[in-house]
C-alpha atoms as a PDB file:
ATOM      1  CA  MET A   1      24.145 -88.800   1.481  1.00  0.00           C
ATOM      2  CA  ALA A   2      27.363 -88.486  -0.540  1.00  0.00           C
ATOM      3  CA  THR A   3      27.614 -85.869  -3.238  1.00  0.00           C
ATOM      4  CA  THR A   4      29.370 -86.855  -6.425  1.00  0.00           C
ATOM      5  CA  VAL A   5      32.266 -84.605  -7.252  1.00  0.00           C
ATOM      6  CA  THR A   6      33.027 -84.294 -10.941  1.00  0.00           C
ATOM      7  CA  ILE A   7      36.468 -83.158 -11.952  1.00  0.00           C
ATOM      8  CA  ASP A   8      37.739 -82.240 -15.430  1.00  0.00           C
ATOM      9  CA  TYR A   9      40.500 -84.572 -16.615  1.00  0.00           C
ATOM     10  CA  GLU A  10      42.497 -85.084 -19.755  1.00  0.00           C
ATOM     11  CA  VAL A  11      44.131 -88.371 -20.640  1.00  0.00           C
ATOM     12  CA  THR A  12      46.749 -88.843 -23.341  1.00  0.00           C
ATOM     13  CA  TYR A  13      47.672 -92.384 -24.223  1.00  0.00           C
ATOM     14  CA  ILE A  14      49.856 -94.064 -26.817  1.00  0.00           C
ATOM     15  CA  LEU A  15      48.677 -97.214 -28.556  1.00  0.00           C
ATOM     16  CA  ARG A  16      51.032 -99.751 -30.131  1.00  0.00           C
ATOM     17  CA  PRO A  17      52.044 -98.917 -33.733  1.00  0.00           C
ATOM     18  CA  ASN A  18      51.293-102.414 -35.099  1.00  0.00           C
ATOM     19  CA  LEU A  19      47.520-101.831 -34.763  1.00  0.00           C
ATOM     20  CA  GLU A  20      45.464-101.202 -37.894  1.00  0.00           C
ATOM     21  CA  GLU A  21      43.706 -97.828 -38.189  1.00  0.00           C
ATOM     22  CA  ALA A  22      40.324 -99.501 -37.514  1.00  0.00           C
ATOM     23  CA  GLU A  23      41.742-101.195 -34.396  1.00  0.00           C
ATOM     24  CA  VAL A  24      43.025 -97.844 -33.098  1.00  0.00           C
ATOM     25  CA  ASP A  25      39.514 -96.374 -33.471  1.00  0.00           C
ATOM     26  CA  GLU A  26      38.010 -99.459 -31.816  1.00  0.00           C
ATOM     27  CA  ARG A  27      40.408 -99.349 -28.833  1.00  0.00           C
ATOM     28  CA  ALA A  28      39.898 -95.593 -28.365  1.00  0.00           C
ATOM     29  CA  ASP A  29      36.112 -96.058 -28.468  1.00  0.00           C
ATOM     30  CA  GLN A  30      36.336 -98.934 -25.948  1.00  0.00           C
ATOM     31  CA  ILE A  31      38.329 -96.790 -23.528  1.00  0.00           C
ATOM     32  CA  ALA A  32      35.801 -93.926 -23.899  1.00  0.00           C
ATOM     33  CA  ALA A  33      32.908 -96.373 -23.413  1.00  0.00           C
ATOM     34  CA  GLY A  34      34.573 -97.631 -20.226  1.00  0.00           C
ATOM     35  CA  VAL A  35      34.639 -94.085 -18.825  1.00  0.00           C
ATOM     36  CA  LYS A  36      30.940 -93.611 -19.688  1.00  0.00           C
ATOM     37  CA  SER A  37      29.949 -96.974 -18.186  1.00  0.00           C
ATOM     38  CA  ARG A  38      31.494 -95.906 -14.862  1.00  0.00           C
ATOM     39  CA  GLY A  39      29.474 -92.684 -14.799  1.00  0.00           C
ATOM     40  CA  GLY A  40      31.990 -90.373 -16.475  1.00  0.00           C
ATOM     41  CA  GLU A  41      31.247 -87.980 -19.309  1.00  0.00           C
ATOM     42  CA  ILE A  42      33.364 -87.497 -22.438  1.00  0.00           C
ATOM     43  CA  VAL A  43      33.863 -83.786 -23.195  1.00  0.00           C
ATOM     44  CA  GLY A  44      34.149 -82.990 -26.896  1.00  0.00           C
ATOM     45  CA  GLU A  45      35.538 -85.531 -29.342  1.00  0.00           C
ATOM     46  CA  LEU A  46      38.403 -87.969 -29.031  1.00  0.00           C
ATOM     47  CA  GLU A  47      41.468 -86.398 -30.601  1.00  0.00           C
ATOM     48  CA  LYS A  48      43.250 -89.080 -32.600  1.00  0.00           C
ATOM     49  CA  LEU A  49      46.592 -87.476 -33.390  1.00  0.00           C
ATOM     50  CA  GLY A  50      47.795 -90.358 -35.551  1.00  0.00           C
ATOM     51  CA  LYS A  51      51.059 -92.257 -35.564  1.00  0.00           C
ATOM     52  CA  ARG A  52      53.982 -90.261 -34.216  1.00  0.00           C
ATOM     53  CA  ARG A  53      57.596 -90.926 -33.349  1.00  0.00           C
ATOM     54  CA  LEU A  54      58.193 -91.388 -29.611  1.00  0.00           C
ATOM     55  CA  ALA A  55      60.664 -89.163 -27.770  1.00  0.00           C
ATOM     56  CA  TYR A  56      62.404 -92.349 -26.597  1.00  0.00           C
ATOM     57  CA  GLU A  57      62.040 -96.081 -27.222  1.00  0.00           C
ATOM     58  CA  ILE A  58      59.604 -98.061 -25.077  1.00  0.00           C
ATOM     59  CA  ASP A  59      60.192-101.836 -25.227  1.00  0.00           C
ATOM     60  CA  ASP A  60      62.004-101.500 -28.607  1.00  0.00           C
ATOM     61  CA  VAL A  61      59.049 -99.541 -30.025  1.00  0.00           C
ATOM     62  CA  ARG A  62      59.887 -96.235 -31.726  1.00  0.00           C
ATOM     63  CA  GLU A  63      56.426 -94.898 -32.612  1.00  0.00           C
ATOM     64  CA  GLY A  64      52.800 -95.128 -31.544  1.00  0.00           C
ATOM     65  CA  TYR A  65      49.283 -93.801 -32.071  1.00  0.00           C
ATOM     66  CA  TYR A  66      48.547 -90.818 -29.843  1.00  0.00           C
ATOM     67  CA  VAL A  67      45.006 -90.276 -28.536  1.00  0.00           C
ATOM     68  CA  VAL A  68      43.802 -87.407 -26.314  1.00  0.00           C
ATOM     69  CA  MET A  69      40.467 -87.583 -24.481  1.00  0.00           C
ATOM     70  CA  LYS A  70      38.922 -84.983 -22.190  1.00  0.00           C
ATOM     71  CA  PHE A  71      36.419 -86.259 -19.652  1.00  0.00           C
ATOM     72  CA  LYS A  72      34.613 -85.438 -16.417  1.00  0.00           C
ATOM     73  CA  SER A  73      34.339 -87.966 -13.626  1.00  0.00           C
ATOM     74  CA  GLY A  74      34.820 -88.515  -9.935  1.00  0.00           C
ATOM     75  CA  PRO A  75      38.204 -89.467  -8.447  1.00  0.00           C
ATOM     76  CA  GLU A  76      37.232 -93.149  -8.120  1.00  0.00           C
ATOM     77  CA  GLU A  77      36.326 -93.421 -11.816  1.00  0.00           C
ATOM     78  CA  GLN A  78      39.607 -91.734 -12.745  1.00  0.00           C
ATOM     79  CA  LYS A  79      41.549 -94.273 -10.648  1.00  0.00           C
ATOM     80  CA  GLU A  80      39.695 -97.129 -12.353  1.00  0.00           C
ATOM     81  CA  LEU A  81      40.529 -95.702 -15.806  1.00  0.00           C
ATOM     82  CA  GLU A  82      44.185 -95.535 -14.740  1.00  0.00           C
ATOM     83  CA  ARG A  83      44.029 -99.210 -13.703  1.00  0.00           C
ATOM     84  CA  GLN A  84      42.339-100.247 -16.957  1.00  0.00           C
ATOM     85  CA  LEU A  85      44.955 -98.424 -19.062  1.00  0.00           C
ATOM     86  CA  ARG A  86      47.781-100.117 -17.127  1.00  0.00           C
ATOM     87  CA  LEU A  87      46.232-103.540 -17.820  1.00  0.00           C
ATOM     88  CA  ASN A  88      45.529-102.844 -21.513  1.00  0.00           C
ATOM     89  CA  GLU A  89      48.164-104.585 -23.669  1.00  0.00           C
ATOM     90  CA  ALA A  90      47.631-102.130 -26.558  1.00  0.00           C
ATOM     91  CA  VAL A  91      48.520 -99.086 -24.424  1.00  0.00           C
ATOM     92  CA  LEU A  92      52.254 -98.299 -24.288  1.00  0.00           C
ATOM     93  CA  ARG A  93      51.995 -95.263 -21.987  1.00  0.00           C
ATOM     94  CA  HIS A  94      49.311 -93.008 -20.562  1.00  0.00           C
ATOM     95  CA  LEU A  95      49.095 -89.784 -18.611  1.00  0.00           C
ATOM     96  CA  ILE A  96      46.010 -88.449 -16.837  1.00  0.00           C
ATOM     97  CA  ILE A  97      46.035 -84.833 -15.743  1.00  0.00           C
ATOM     98  CA  ARG A  98      43.483 -82.770 -13.872  1.00  0.00           C
ATOM     99  CA  ARG A  99      42.380 -79.794 -15.982  1.00  0.00           C
ATOM    100  CA  GLU A 100      41.880 -76.383 -14.450  1.00  0.00           C
ATOM    101  CA  THR A 101      38.469 -74.920 -15.219  1.00  0.00           C
END
């Protein structure tokens, strides 16, 4: 019998700047729903930090919508989220960190 280990994570991702505000909300909600559907738990609310200038250009893009999400899940679910973010055309960059409790 395997015990499920839940770990606190935080993911920050940058969505493309050409999205409408409603699309940004929709994409952020889809990503959060994906975490929940794989057995993860969203902690608190999604922090939508709005459109910000990037520190450096990514594919000729100078700004993007920043979103921060805290969640709890097992290592396998975290790896799947990482894969999904890499495949998502709307996501310019992402970073998942393990939070200390």
